[in-house]
Amino acid sequence: MAQESTHSFDGQLHRDKKPKDKIISLILRPFNWLKKLSEELHWSFVSSVVIVYGINQGLSLGLSRISTQYYMKDEQKLQPSEAQVYFGIIQLPWVVKPLWGLLTDTLPILGYRRPYFILGGFIGVVAMISLSINQNLPLASALLCLMAGSAGVAIADVTIDACVTENSISHPSLASDMQSLCGLSSSVGQLIGFAISGFLVHLIGSKGVFGILSIPAALVILVGMMTREAHVHNSAYKRASQKFSDAGKAMWMALKCENVWRPCIYMYISLALSLHIHEGMFYWYTDAKDGPSFSKEMVGSISSVGAVGSLLGVLLYQNAFKNHPFRGLLFWTQLLYGASGLVDLILVSRVNLKFGIPDYVVVVSDAAFSHLIGRLKWMPLLVLSSKLCPSGIEGTFFALLMSIDHIGMLTASWGGGLLLHAFNVTRTQFDNLWIVIAIRSILRILPVCSLFLIPSSDPNASILPSEMLKSKKGDDMLDNQNMEMASLVSSVDQHLVDT
């Protein structure tokens, strides 16, 4: 009897400890995961990914978005249409991202790729400090500094992409873990950046935030100093021009394939017709007499909620829609994306106030829903892009496809600016803003008419002809595989900022 009581007590004790053990194991899991990656790939690589993706890209993009908006409005005194166009110009360095990738792959400095980290970090530091300390900086000089800062982030991005690609080749079993590390770092960085951006702009002003942004760029210089990599032999320099030529010919041959150029046209149309009028709405949020007059803190919190919505969109796609055919999924997401834009029409017309719904509730709900739908629309396009890359030039061709997408976003930004200008939406005039919103929402729906360009096959099936999927052998294969791979993470994050 006593023995049974002892067993019963032990069993109860085991059951009491089990939940605690699970909680402790859950808490320690991320740290054990990072420890495992550090042991397999070296701590310097893991630190580099966290710094470049999490701090220099994620945190910086979150901080710079809000600070640049207020800088354009309050310091440069720009009209909404002008600010919208200039935001597109600032992103030009991302359009030429394949060029940065080819340079890091074919033209190492002093036999190493890591000096590109130092170069990107140095450009970023100089650009942000220049914006921070100069009073009454001319618009042209300010735009040049902002473009330089964007270029610094882009150069560091493609360089760390190359490092991730090389480690994915040498440690194939850890490839998914590395992408998870990139995604986690970038997402957490952006959430923190957006969450604190409004408070920082309120406390120290947009120029003060630019000064803070020199710190992430300086950390990238540190990455260049501590990154471990093999020395490239001198023979690599002699082959640089040949590698440039070979990559160019291979990409041109791939673009001539019908299975490739048709989806490319759709992706461009889909992004180009999703006109960006963020600056018009931003000025209305903050300056309109009958608008909500949001504070800087509120503007930052709205962006952070949008980032959460985007993350939920990724989870929803991964768990519910990743096996749905591209064409059907894009049809419904495009329709919902157009419908989501009409929420702005409710705000501008002040219909929500007639029903007693506060502006902030509507704006936050819209940010979460529109970013969730936007991400659901964007994810299948990314997966489709990855399936359009021929064997041997996967990384460089994916970067090329992302550049086409960035050109679409640039078109949307400039088109939105022209639309705001055409309907005379200014710093003080918002009477026609509702017309701009209605036109934008209609244009968002139009890409469904070109869905015939998208394959209707199983999303898990191959799209390219079999001859384009054959791998190269020997050293040529290794050289081409080592070319810069534009990761899904950086492309998604940049799209998040642009939307």
Protein backbone atom coordinates (compact mmCIF):
# COMPACT_ATOMS: atom_id res chain seq x y z
CA MET A 1 0.00 0.00 0.00
CA ALA A 2 2.84 2.36 0.93
CA GLN A 3 4.64 1.39 -2.27
CA GLU A 4 1.55 2.24 -4.32
CA SER A 5 1.36 5.60 -2.52
CA THR A 6 5.01 6.29 -3.33
CA HIS A 7 4.50 5.46 -7.00
CA SER A 8 1.43 7.70 -7.04
CA PHE A 9 3.42 10.56 -5.50
CA ASP A 10 6.27 10.09 -7.99
CA GLY A 11 3.85 10.06 -10.87
CA GLN A 12 2.18 13.22 -9.62
CA LEU A 13 5.59 14.87 -9.22
CA HIS A 14 6.53 13.87 -12.76
CA ARG A 15 3.30 15.34 -14.09
CA ASP A 16 3.93 18.58 -12.16
CA LYS A 17 7.44 18.90 -13.59
CA LYS A 18 6.48 18.08 -17.14
CA PRO A 19 4.73 21.36 -17.95
CA LYS A 20 7.59 23.30 -16.35
CA ASP A 21 10.13 21.34 -18.37
CA LYS A 22 8.20 22.11 -21.54
CA ILE A 23 8.16 25.82 -20.75
CA ILE A 24 11.88 25.87 -19.98
CA SER A 25 12.61 23.87 -23.13
CA LEU A 26 10.51 26.29 -25.16
CA ILE A 27 12.37 29.28 -23.74
CA LEU A 28 15.78 27.73 -24.32
CA ARG A 29 15.00 26.47 -27.82
CA PRO A 30 15.94 29.68 -29.68
CA PHE A 31 19.20 29.96 -27.73
CA ASN A 32 20.07 26.32 -28.39
CA TRP A 33 19.25 26.86 -32.06
CA LEU A 34 21.55 29.88 -32.26
CA LYS A 35 24.25 27.93 -30.42
CA LYS A 36 23.94 25.10 -32.93
CA LEU A 37 24.24 27.50 -35.89
CA SER A 38 27.23 29.22 -34.28
CA GLU A 39 29.01 25.91 -33.77
CA GLU A 40 28.34 24.70 -37.32
CA LEU A 41 28.78 27.98 -39.21
CA HIS A 42 30.91 30.04 -36.77
CA TRP A 43 29.65 32.81 -34.50
CA SER A 44 30.91 35.53 -36.84
CA PHE A 45 28.54 34.42 -39.62
CA VAL A 46 25.53 34.27 -37.30
CA SER A 47 26.40 37.71 -35.89
CA SER A 48 26.80 39.08 -39.41
CA VAL A 49 23.33 37.88 -40.43
CA VAL A 50 21.76 39.40 -37.32
CA ILE A 51 23.54 42.73 -37.85
CA VAL A 52 22.93 43.05 -41.60
CA TYR A 53 19.39 41.63 -41.77
CA GLY A 54 18.13 42.51 -38.30
CA ILE A 55 19.78 45.86 -37.55
CA ASN A 56 21.03 47.44 -40.78
CA GLN A 57 18.11 46.28 -42.93
CA GLY A 58 15.15 45.55 -40.66
CA LEU A 59 15.61 48.13 -37.89
CA SER A 60 16.97 50.78 -40.25
CA LEU A 61 14.13 50.39 -42.75
CA GLY A 62 11.61 50.68 -39.93
CA LEU A 63 13.25 53.84 -38.57
CA SER A 64 14.05 55.48 -41.89
CA ARG A 65 10.54 55.21 -43.34
CA ILE A 66 8.86 57.44 -40.75
CA SER A 67 11.81 59.80 -40.32
CA THR A 68 12.10 60.33 -44.10
CA GLN A 69 8.37 61.07 -44.37
CA TYR A 70 8.60 63.79 -41.71
CA TYR A 71 11.89 65.06 -43.15
CA MET A 72 10.30 65.50 -46.58
CA LYS A 73 7.24 67.19 -45.10
CA ASP A 74 8.70 69.38 -42.35
CA GLU A 75 12.30 70.06 -43.42
CA GLN A 76 12.07 70.11 -47.23
CA LYS A 77 8.47 71.42 -47.29
CA LEU A 78 7.52 69.14 -50.20
CA GLN A 79 4.08 68.59 -51.64
CA PRO A 80 2.61 65.06 -51.30
CA SER A 81 3.04 64.37 -55.03
CA GLU A 82 6.70 65.44 -54.93
CA ALA A 83 7.45 63.35 -51.86
CA GLN A 84 5.83 60.30 -53.50
CA VAL A 85 8.04 60.64 -56.60
CA TYR A 86 11.19 61.20 -54.56
CA PHE A 87 10.52 58.10 -52.46
CA GLY A 88 10.71 56.12 -55.68
CA ILE A 89 14.03 57.75 -56.57
CA ILE A 90 15.49 56.83 -53.18
CA GLN A 91 14.86 53.14 -53.95
CA LEU A 92 16.76 53.20 -57.28
CA PRO A 93 19.83 51.42 -55.81
CA TRP A 94 17.63 48.36 -55.22
CA VAL A 95 16.63 48.28 -58.89
CA VAL A 96 20.27 47.59 -59.86
CA LYS A 97 20.68 44.92 -57.20
CA PRO A 98 21.90 42.28 -59.71
CA LEU A 99 24.79 44.61 -60.54
CA TRP A 100 25.89 44.70 -56.90
CA GLY A 101 25.63 40.90 -56.83
CA LEU A 102 27.74 40.44 -59.95
CA LEU A 103 30.36 42.85 -58.58
CA THR A 104 30.66 41.05 -55.24
CA ASP A 105 30.90 37.71 -57.04
CA THR A 106 33.25 38.54 -59.89
CA LEU A 107 35.32 41.48 -58.62
CA PRO A 108 36.61 40.75 -55.11
CA ILE A 109 38.68 43.53 -53.53
CA LEU A 110 42.23 42.46 -52.64
CA GLY A 111 41.08 38.87 -53.04
CA TYR A 112 38.19 39.16 -50.55
CA ARG A 113 34.47 39.81 -50.74
CA ARG A 114 34.16 41.25 -47.26
CA PRO A 115 35.46 44.75 -48.22
CA TYR A 116 32.04 45.26 -49.82
CA PHE A 117 30.62 45.21 -46.28
CA ILE A 118 33.07 47.95 -45.35
CA LEU A 119 32.22 49.89 -48.52
CA GLY A 120 28.46 49.67 -47.93
CA GLY A 121 28.81 50.56 -44.26
CA PHE A 122 31.08 53.52 -44.98
CA ILE A 123 28.66 54.90 -47.58
CA GLY A 124 25.80 54.56 -45.11
CA VAL A 125 27.65 56.27 -42.25
CA VAL A 126 28.70 59.25 -44.38
CA ALA A 127 25.20 59.62 -45.86
CA MET A 128 23.33 59.52 -42.54
CA ILE A 129 25.74 61.82 -40.71
CA SER A 130 25.58 64.30 -43.61
CA LEU A 131 21.78 64.39 -43.35
CA SER A 132 21.94 64.74 -39.59
CA ILE A 133 24.42 67.62 -39.16
CA ASN A 134 23.72 69.78 -42.19
CA GLN A 135 21.19 72.57 -41.70
CA ASN A 136 19.00 73.62 -44.64
CA LEU A 137 20.45 70.93 -46.89
CA PRO A 138 19.36 71.49 -50.53
CA LEU A 139 16.82 68.99 -51.82
CA ALA A 140 19.18 67.56 -54.46
CA SER A 141 21.88 66.95 -51.83
CA ALA A 142 19.36 65.42 -49.42
CA LEU A 143 18.11 63.04 -52.11
CA LEU A 144 21.68 62.08 -52.95
CA CYS A 145 22.36 61.28 -49.29
CA LEU A 146 19.16 59.25 -48.98
CA MET A 147 20.01 57.33 -52.17
CA ALA A 148 23.53 56.72 -50.84
CA GLY A 149 22.09 55.37 -47.60
CA SER A 150 19.80 53.07 -49.60
CA ALA A 151 22.77 51.95 -51.71
CA GLY A 152 24.77 51.15 -48.58
CA VAL A 153 21.97 48.89 -47.30
CA ALA A 154 21.59 47.23 -50.73
CA ILE A 155 25.35 46.52 -51.06
CA ALA A 156 25.49 44.98 -47.60
CA ASP A 157 22.34 43.00 -48.39
CA VAL A 158 23.69 41.36 -51.54
CA THR A 159 27.02 40.64 -49.85
CA ILE A 160 25.43 38.81 -46.93
CA ASP A 161 23.17 37.02 -49.46
CA ALA A 162 26.32 35.71 -51.13
CA CYS A 163 27.64 34.49 -47.78
CA VAL A 164 24.33 32.76 -47.01
CA THR A 165 24.36 31.12 -50.44
CA GLU A 166 27.89 29.80 -50.01
CA ASN A 167 27.08 28.38 -46.59
CA SER A 168 23.89 26.84 -47.98
CA ILE A 169 26.04 25.00 -50.54
CA SER A 170 28.64 23.84 -48.01
CA HIS A 171 26.03 23.04 -45.32
CA PRO A 172 22.89 22.01 -47.25
CA SER A 173 21.22 20.56 -44.16
CA LEU A 174 21.26 24.02 -42.55
CA ALA A 175 19.97 25.96 -45.58
CA SER A 176 16.42 26.31 -44.20
CA ASP A 177 17.78 27.25 -40.78
CA MET A 178 19.81 30.05 -42.34
CA GLN A 179 16.77 31.42 -44.19
CA SER A 180 14.79 31.23 -40.94
CA LEU A 181 17.56 33.17 -39.18
CA CYS A 182 17.46 35.81 -41.94
CA GLY A 183 13.69 36.09 -41.81
CA LEU A 184 13.48 36.20 -38.02
CA SER A 185 16.21 38.83 -37.74
CA SER A 186 14.69 41.06 -40.40
CA SER A 187 11.11 40.76 -39.15
CA VAL A 188 11.99 41.46 -35.51
CA GLY A 189 14.19 44.36 -36.58
CA GLN A 190 11.42 45.94 -38.62
CA LEU A 191 8.85 45.54 -35.88
CA ILE A 192 11.14 47.26 -33.38
CA GLY A 193 12.06 49.96 -35.89
CA PHE A 194 8.47 50.83 -36.76
CA ALA A 195 7.38 50.66 -33.10
CA ILE A 196 9.96 53.19 -31.84
CA SER A 197 10.24 55.37 -34.96
CA GLY A 198 7.40 57.73 -34.05
CA PHE A 199 8.67 58.23 -30.51
CA LEU A 200 12.21 58.96 -31.70
CA VAL A 201 11.06 61.43 -34.36
CA HIS A 202 9.00 63.19 -31.69
CA LEU A 203 11.90 63.31 -29.19
CA ILE A 204 14.89 64.17 -31.40
CA GLY A 205 13.41 65.02 -34.80
CA SER A 206 13.93 63.37 -38.17
CA LYS A 207 17.54 64.60 -38.41
CA GLY A 208 18.31 63.09 -35.03
CA VAL A 209 16.97 59.74 -36.24
CA PHE A 210 19.24 59.97 -39.29
CA GLY A 211 22.15 60.38 -36.89
CA ILE A 212 21.09 57.23 -35.06
CA LEU A 213 20.88 55.40 -38.39
CA SER A 214 24.64 55.86 -38.82
CA ILE A 215 25.12 53.31 -36.01
CA PRO A 216 23.69 50.30 -37.94
CA ALA A 217 25.83 51.32 -40.93
CA ALA A 218 28.90 51.44 -38.67
CA LEU A 219 28.09 47.93 -37.43
CA VAL A 220 28.20 46.74 -41.05
CA ILE A 221 31.81 47.96 -41.19
CA LEU A 222 32.45 45.78 -38.13
CA VAL A 223 30.91 42.85 -40.02
CA GLY A 224 33.42 43.38 -42.83
CA MET A 225 36.26 43.24 -40.31
CA MET A 226 35.18 40.07 -38.54
CA THR A 227 33.79 38.03 -41.48
CA ARG A 228 35.77 34.88 -42.24
CA GLU A 229 36.17 33.90 -45.88
CA ALA A 230 38.63 32.21 -48.18
CA HIS A 231 41.04 34.25 -50.26
CA VAL A 232 40.20 34.39 -53.99
CA HIS A 233 43.06 33.50 -56.31
CA ASN A 234 44.31 36.01 -58.86
CA SER A 235 42.96 33.84 -61.65
CA ALA A 236 39.46 34.87 -60.63
CA TYR A 237 40.14 38.42 -61.79
CA LYS A 238 41.10 37.22 -65.26
CA ARG A 239 37.83 35.32 -65.55
CA ALA A 240 35.68 38.24 -64.34
CA SER A 241 34.81 39.60 -67.79
CA GLN A 242 34.06 36.11 -69.07
CA LYS A 243 31.75 35.42 -66.12
CA PHE A 244 29.96 38.72 -66.74
CA SER A 245 29.48 37.80 -70.38
CA ASP A 246 28.33 34.25 -69.66
CA ALA A 247 25.83 35.39 -67.05
CA GLY A 248 24.43 38.04 -69.39
CA LYS A 249 23.95 35.59 -72.25
CA ALA A 250 22.33 32.99 -69.99
CA MET A 251 19.88 35.53 -68.56
CA TRP A 252 18.93 36.79 -72.02
CA MET A 253 18.30 33.25 -73.24
CA ALA A 254 16.10 32.60 -70.22
CA LEU A 255 14.09 35.80 -70.71
CA LYS A 256 13.30 34.79 -74.29
CA CYS A 257 11.55 31.66 -73.03
CA GLU A 258 7.76 32.10 -73.12
CA ASN A 259 7.34 30.38 -69.75
CA VAL A 260 9.55 33.10 -68.25
CA TRP A 261 8.60 36.39 -69.91
CA ARG A 262 4.85 35.89 -69.58
CA PRO A 263 4.87 35.72 -65.74
CA CYS A 264 7.42 38.57 -65.70
CA ILE A 265 4.99 40.80 -67.58
CA TYR A 266 2.19 39.95 -65.16
CA MET A 267 4.35 40.66 -62.12
CA TYR A 268 5.32 44.04 -63.51
CA ILE A 269 1.69 44.92 -64.36
CA SER A 270 0.45 43.80 -60.96
CA LEU A 271 2.97 45.95 -59.11
CA ALA A 272 2.91 48.94 -61.47
CA LEU A 273 -0.89 49.31 -61.30
CA SER A 274 -0.88 49.18 -57.49
CA LEU A 275 -0.27 52.93 -57.35
CA HIS A 276 1.35 54.28 -54.19
CA ILE A 277 -0.38 57.31 -52.70
CA HIS A 278 1.04 56.87 -49.19
CA GLU A 279 2.33 60.42 -49.01
CA GLY A 280 -1.09 61.85 -49.85
CA MET A 281 -2.63 59.83 -47.02
CA PHE A 282 0.28 60.66 -44.69
CA TYR A 283 -0.21 64.41 -45.21
CA TRP A 284 -3.96 63.98 -44.68
CA TYR A 285 -3.36 62.01 -41.47
CA THR A 286 -1.15 64.73 -40.03
CA ASP A 287 -2.02 68.09 -41.66
CA ALA A 288 -5.63 68.15 -42.86
CA LYS A 289 -7.91 70.45 -40.85
CA ASP A 290 -10.73 67.92 -40.81
CA GLY A 291 -8.36 64.93 -40.64
CA PRO A 292 -7.41 62.83 -37.62
CA SER A 293 -4.22 64.87 -36.87
CA PHE A 294 -2.27 61.80 -35.80
CA SER A 295 0.83 62.32 -33.67
CA LYS A 296 4.25 60.99 -34.65
CA GLU A 297 3.85 58.17 -32.14
CA MET A 298 0.55 57.11 -33.68
CA VAL A 299 2.00 57.14 -37.21
CA GLY A 300 4.81 54.85 -36.04
CA SER A 301 2.40 52.48 -34.28
CA ILE A 302 0.26 52.23 -37.43
CA SER A 303 3.31 51.08 -39.41
CA SER A 304 4.22 48.54 -36.74
CA VAL A 305 0.70 47.07 -36.89
CA GLY A 306 1.09 46.84 -40.66
CA ALA A 307 4.31 44.86 -40.15
CA VAL A 308 2.44 42.44 -37.88
CA GLY A 309 -0.23 42.04 -40.56
CA SER A 310 2.45 41.15 -43.09
CA LEU A 311 3.89 38.48 -40.81
CA LEU A 312 0.41 37.01 -40.35
CA GLY A 313 0.08 36.96 -44.12
CA VAL A 314 3.22 34.85 -44.41
CA LEU A 315 1.97 32.42 -41.78
CA LEU A 316 -1.42 32.18 -43.47
CA TYR A 317 0.16 31.51 -46.86
CA GLN A 318 2.54 28.92 -45.44
CA ASN A 319 -0.15 27.00 -43.56
CA ALA A 320 -3.20 27.35 -45.80
CA PHE A 321 -2.47 28.55 -49.33
CA LYS A 322 0.99 27.43 -50.40
CA ASN A 323 -0.40 24.50 -52.39
CA HIS A 324 -3.15 26.48 -54.14
CA PRO A 325 -2.68 27.18 -57.88
CA PHE A 326 -1.03 30.53 -58.56
CA ARG A 327 -3.76 31.82 -60.85
CA GLY A 328 -6.68 31.20 -58.49
CA LEU A 329 -4.89 32.58 -55.45
CA LEU A 330 -3.75 35.70 -57.29
CA PHE A 331 -7.29 36.31 -58.59
CA TRP A 332 -8.84 36.50 -55.12
CA THR A 333 -5.96 38.32 -53.46
CA GLN A 334 -5.92 40.94 -56.23
CA LEU A 335 -9.65 41.55 -55.77
CA LEU A 336 -9.30 41.80 -51.99
CA TYR A 337 -6.28 44.07 -52.39
CA GLY A 338 -8.35 46.46 -54.48
CA ALA A 339 -11.22 46.31 -52.00
CA SER A 340 -8.89 47.02 -49.06
CA GLY A 341 -7.99 50.36 -50.62
CA LEU A 342 -11.59 51.54 -50.25
CA VAL A 343 -11.13 51.75 -46.46
CA ASP A 344 -9.17 54.96 -47.10
CA LEU A 345 -12.28 56.26 -48.88
CA ILE A 346 -14.31 55.66 -45.70
CA LEU A 347 -11.76 57.64 -43.71
CA VAL A 348 -11.48 60.59 -46.08
CA SER A 349 -15.27 60.87 -46.40
CA ARG A 350 -15.50 60.68 -42.55
CA VAL A 351 -18.21 58.02 -42.75
CA ASN A 352 -16.66 56.17 -39.82
CA LEU A 353 -17.29 59.11 -37.47
CA LYS A 354 -21.00 59.03 -38.29
CA PHE A 355 -21.07 55.51 -36.84
CA GLY A 356 -18.92 56.48 -33.86
CA ILE A 357 -15.84 54.55 -35.01
CA PRO A 358 -12.59 56.40 -34.11
CA ASP A 359 -10.14 57.16 -36.91
CA TYR A 360 -7.30 55.30 -35.23
CA VAL A 361 -9.31 52.06 -35.00
CA VAL A 362 -10.13 52.22 -38.70
CA VAL A 363 -6.56 53.06 -39.75
CA VAL A 364 -4.99 50.32 -37.62
CA SER A 365 -7.51 47.73 -38.87
CA ASP A 366 -6.85 48.83 -42.44
CA ALA A 367 -3.07 48.63 -41.95
CA ALA A 368 -3.27 45.09 -40.60
CA PHE A 369 -5.73 43.84 -43.26
CA SER A 370 -4.18 45.56 -46.28
CA HIS A 371 -0.66 44.40 -45.40
CA LEU A 372 -1.92 40.87 -44.76
CA ILE A 373 -3.62 40.77 -48.18
CA GLY A 374 -0.63 42.46 -49.80
CA ARG A 375 1.68 39.79 -48.42
CA LEU A 376 -0.68 37.01 -49.53
CA LYS A 377 -0.54 38.52 -53.02
CA TRP A 378 3.24 38.93 -52.92
CA MET A 379 4.22 35.47 -51.62
CA PRO A 380 3.02 33.42 -54.63
CA LEU A 381 4.82 35.86 -56.91
CA LEU A 382 8.05 35.22 -55.00
CA VAL A 383 7.57 31.46 -55.17
CA LEU A 384 6.78 31.74 -58.87
CA SER A 385 9.93 33.83 -59.39
CA SER A 386 12.05 31.15 -57.73
CA LYS A 387 10.62 28.59 -60.19
CA LEU A 388 11.57 30.74 -63.19
CA CYS A 389 15.31 30.62 -62.49
CA PRO A 390 17.34 28.39 -64.85
CA SER A 391 19.91 26.03 -63.42
CA GLY A 392 23.39 27.47 -63.01
CA ILE A 393 22.36 31.14 -62.72
CA GLU A 394 19.69 30.78 -60.06
CA GLY A 395 20.92 33.52 -57.74
CA THR A 396 21.67 36.15 -60.35
CA PHE A 397 18.49 35.50 -62.32
CA PHE A 398 16.36 35.69 -59.18
CA ALA A 399 17.99 39.05 -58.44
CA LEU A 400 17.09 40.12 -61.99
CA LEU A 401 13.45 39.14 -61.44
CA MET A 402 13.41 41.09 -58.18
CA SER A 403 14.77 44.09 -60.07
CA ILE A 404 11.89 43.85 -62.53
CA ASP A 405 9.56 43.85 -59.54
CA HIS A 406 11.31 46.88 -58.07
CA ILE A 407 10.85 48.67 -61.40
CA GLY A 408 7.15 47.89 -61.06
CA MET A 409 7.15 49.40 -57.57
CA LEU A 410 9.04 52.42 -58.88
CA THR A 411 6.42 52.87 -61.59
CA ALA A 412 3.69 52.63 -58.95
CA SER A 413 5.40 55.25 -56.80
CA TRP A 414 5.88 57.71 -59.67
CA GLY A 415 2.41 57.00 -61.04
CA GLY A 416 0.90 57.71 -57.64
CA GLY A 417 2.82 60.97 -57.43
CA LEU A 418 1.54 62.06 -60.84
CA LEU A 419 -2.01 61.12 -59.84
CA LEU A 420 -1.79 63.23 -56.67
CA HIS A 421 -0.43 66.12 -58.72
CA ALA A 422 -3.09 65.78 -61.45
CA PHE A 423 -5.91 66.07 -58.90
CA ASN A 424 -4.21 68.90 -57.01
CA VAL A 425 -3.70 67.09 -53.71
CA THR A 426 -1.33 69.40 -51.83
CA ARG A 427 -0.21 70.12 -48.27
CA THR A 428 -3.42 72.04 -47.64
CA GLN A 429 -5.84 70.85 -50.35
CA PHE A 430 -7.39 67.37 -49.95
CA ASP A 431 -10.77 67.88 -51.63
CA ASN A 432 -9.92 65.52 -54.50
CA LEU A 433 -8.11 62.91 -52.43
CA TRP A 434 -11.17 60.67 -52.51
CA ILE A 435 -11.00 60.59 -56.33
CA VAL A 436 -7.34 59.52 -56.18
CA ILE A 437 -8.24 56.74 -53.73
CA ALA A 438 -11.08 55.50 -55.96
CA ILE A 439 -8.86 55.45 -59.07
CA ARG A 440 -6.12 53.61 -57.20
CA SER A 441 -8.56 50.96 -55.96
CA ILE A 442 -9.90 50.36 -59.48
CA LEU A 443 -6.40 50.09 -60.95
CA ARG A 444 -5.49 47.52 -58.28
CA ILE A 445 -8.19 45.22 -59.65
CA LEU A 446 -7.24 45.52 -63.34
CA PRO A 447 -4.32 43.00 -63.21
CA VAL A 448 -6.86 40.17 -62.97
CA CYS A 449 -7.44 40.73 -66.68
CA SER A 450 -3.86 39.61 -67.39
CA LEU A 451 -3.92 36.48 -65.20
CA PHE A 452 -3.78 34.36 -68.35
CA LEU A 453 -0.04 35.09 -68.33
CA ILE A 454 0.34 33.08 -65.10
CA PRO A 455 0.66 29.27 -65.28
CA SER A 456 -2.47 27.42 -64.20
CA SER A 457 -0.54 24.27 -63.30
CA ASP A 458 0.19 22.78 -59.89
CA PRO A 459 2.37 25.27 -57.93
CA ASN A 460 4.66 22.41 -56.92
CA ALA A 461 5.34 21.42 -60.53
CA SER A 462 8.23 22.69 -62.63
CA ILE A 463 7.50 25.58 -64.99
CA LEU A 464 10.69 25.78 -67.05
CA PRO A 465 11.49 23.40 -69.92
CA SER A 466 13.58 20.41 -68.88
CA GLU A 467 16.64 21.59 -70.82
CA MET A 468 16.77 24.77 -68.67
CA LEU A 469 16.75 22.73 -65.49
CA LYS A 470 19.83 20.67 -66.26
CA SER A 471 22.68 21.48 -63.90
CA LYS A 472 26.14 22.39 -65.05
CA LYS A 473 28.98 20.21 -63.95
CA GLY A 474 32.39 20.79 -62.43
CA ASP A 475 33.89 24.11 -61.52
CA ASP A 476 31.57 26.10 -63.72
CA MET A 477 28.64 24.87 -61.69
CA LEU A 478 30.29 25.86 -58.43
CA ASP A 479 31.21 29.30 -59.75
CA ASN A 480 27.68 29.98 -60.91
CA GLN A 481 26.14 28.63 -57.72
CA ASN A 482 28.33 30.99 -55.73
CA MET A 483 26.83 33.99 -57.51
CA GLU A 484 24.76 36.30 -55.32
CA MET A 485 21.35 34.96 -54.35
CA ALA A 486 18.73 37.59 -53.65
CA SER A 487 16.91 35.96 -50.76
CA LEU A 488 13.14 35.91 -50.42
CA VAL A 489 13.52 37.67 -47.11
CA SER A 490 15.10 40.86 -48.42
CA SER A 491 12.68 41.08 -51.33
CA VAL A 492 9.65 40.63 -49.08
CA ASP A 493 10.96 43.22 -46.58
CA GLN A 494 11.58 45.79 -49.27
CA HIS A 495 8.09 45.19 -50.62
CA LEU A 496 6.76 45.65 -47.09
CA VAL A 497 8.36 49.08 -46.87
CA ASP A 498 7.12 50.10 -50.31
CA THR A 499 3.55 49.04 -49.55
